[in-house]
Each structure stands twice: as structure tokens, then as C-alpha cells.
Protein backbone atom coordinates (compact mmCIF):
# COMPACT_ATOMS: atom_id res chain seq x y z
CA MET A 1 -12.61 14.95 6.13
CA PRO A 2 -9.37 13.74 7.75
CA GLU A 3 -6.61 16.25 8.17
CA THR A 4 -3.64 15.70 5.90
CA ASN A 5 -0.09 16.41 6.91
CA PRO A 6 2.33 17.59 4.24
CA THR A 7 5.37 15.42 3.81
CA ASP A 8 8.89 16.45 3.04
CA PRO A 9 9.71 14.92 -0.36
CA ASP A 10 13.43 14.79 0.42
CA ALA A 11 12.84 12.96 3.72
CA GLU A 12 10.56 10.45 1.98
CA LYS A 13 13.12 9.91 -0.77
CA ALA A 14 15.83 9.33 1.87
CA ARG A 15 13.61 6.54 3.29
CA GLY A 16 13.42 4.93 -0.13
CA ARG A 17 9.80 5.93 -0.70
CA ILE A 18 8.38 7.14 -3.97
CA PRO A 19 5.11 8.99 -4.59
CA LEU A 20 2.35 6.72 -5.86
CA TRP A 21 -1.29 7.66 -6.23
CA LEU A 22 -3.86 4.92 -6.47
CA ASP A 23 -7.62 5.18 -6.48
CA ALA A 24 -9.72 3.22 -4.01
CA GLU A 25 -10.48 0.47 -6.53
CA ASP A 26 -6.74 -0.15 -7.05
CA LEU A 27 -6.14 -0.20 -3.29
CA ARG A 28 -9.00 -2.67 -2.76
CA ARG A 29 -7.49 -4.99 -5.38
CA LEU A 30 -4.04 -4.76 -3.81
CA ALA A 31 -5.48 -5.33 -0.35
CA SER A 32 -7.35 -8.49 -1.32
CA HIS A 33 -5.38 -10.12 -4.14
CA CYS A 34 -2.28 -12.26 -3.93
CA CYS A 35 -0.87 -13.71 -7.12
CA CYS A 36 1.78 -15.87 -5.47
CA SER A 37 2.08 -19.33 -6.92
CA GLU A 38 2.55 -22.42 -4.77
CA ASP A 39 6.32 -22.40 -5.35
CA THR A 40 6.81 -18.72 -4.41
CA SER A 41 9.54 -18.18 -1.83
CA GLU A 42 8.60 -17.30 1.74
CA ALA A 43 10.35 -13.92 1.37
CA ASP A 44 8.21 -13.06 -1.67
CA ARG A 45 5.05 -14.19 0.13
CA GLU A 46 5.94 -11.94 3.07
CA GLN A 47 6.50 -9.00 0.73
CA CYS A 48 3.13 -9.64 -0.90
CA GLY A 49 1.56 -9.68 2.56
CA ARG A 50 3.18 -6.34 3.43
CA ILE A 51 1.83 -4.80 0.23
CA ARG A 52 -1.68 -6.09 0.98
CA PHE A 53 -1.43 -4.76 4.54
CA ARG A 54 -0.30 -1.30 3.40
CA ALA A 55 -3.05 -1.10 0.79
CA SER A 56 -5.62 -2.10 3.41
CA ALA A 57 -4.25 0.48 5.87
CA ALA A 58 -4.41 3.19 3.20
CA LEU A 59 -8.06 2.33 2.51
CA HIS A 60 -8.86 2.40 6.21
CA LYS A 61 -7.06 5.72 6.74
CA HIS A 62 -8.84 7.50 3.90
CA GLY A 63 -12.25 5.90 4.26
CA PRO A 64 -14.13 3.41 2.12
CA GLY A 65 -15.69 5.90 -0.28
CA ARG A 66 -12.50 7.41 -1.56
């Protein structure tokens, strides 16, 4: 089991992060699905890509069975 490091909630909040717990099925959907339409702006497409990347990284970090 990977070691977890506690985070400082105040430091995370200062970075603009909020706590969000998703199960592996939710992360897999986020990592593989993009609902951008053909007329979506490039900025929105980039944001969607960042979300997919982060979801994929979270799955990789915590293993496929979790």
C-alpha cells in the first residue's frame, strides 16, 4: 500500500484547492471522457484535458484496483 502524506488543509485552501473524493470508477470516467462540442473554445478544451490528465494521474498513483 502506498504511503500517504497528510496535507495541511489551510495550505491547500490557499492554493485554491478543495477536498474532493472520487471512487476509481468516477476517476476512470473523468480520465477517458471529454464532452466538449466542436465549437468549444480552445481554453475550455485545454481545461478539459487538464482534468482528464489529473484524473488519470490519480488513478495511476493509487493503483487500478482502488
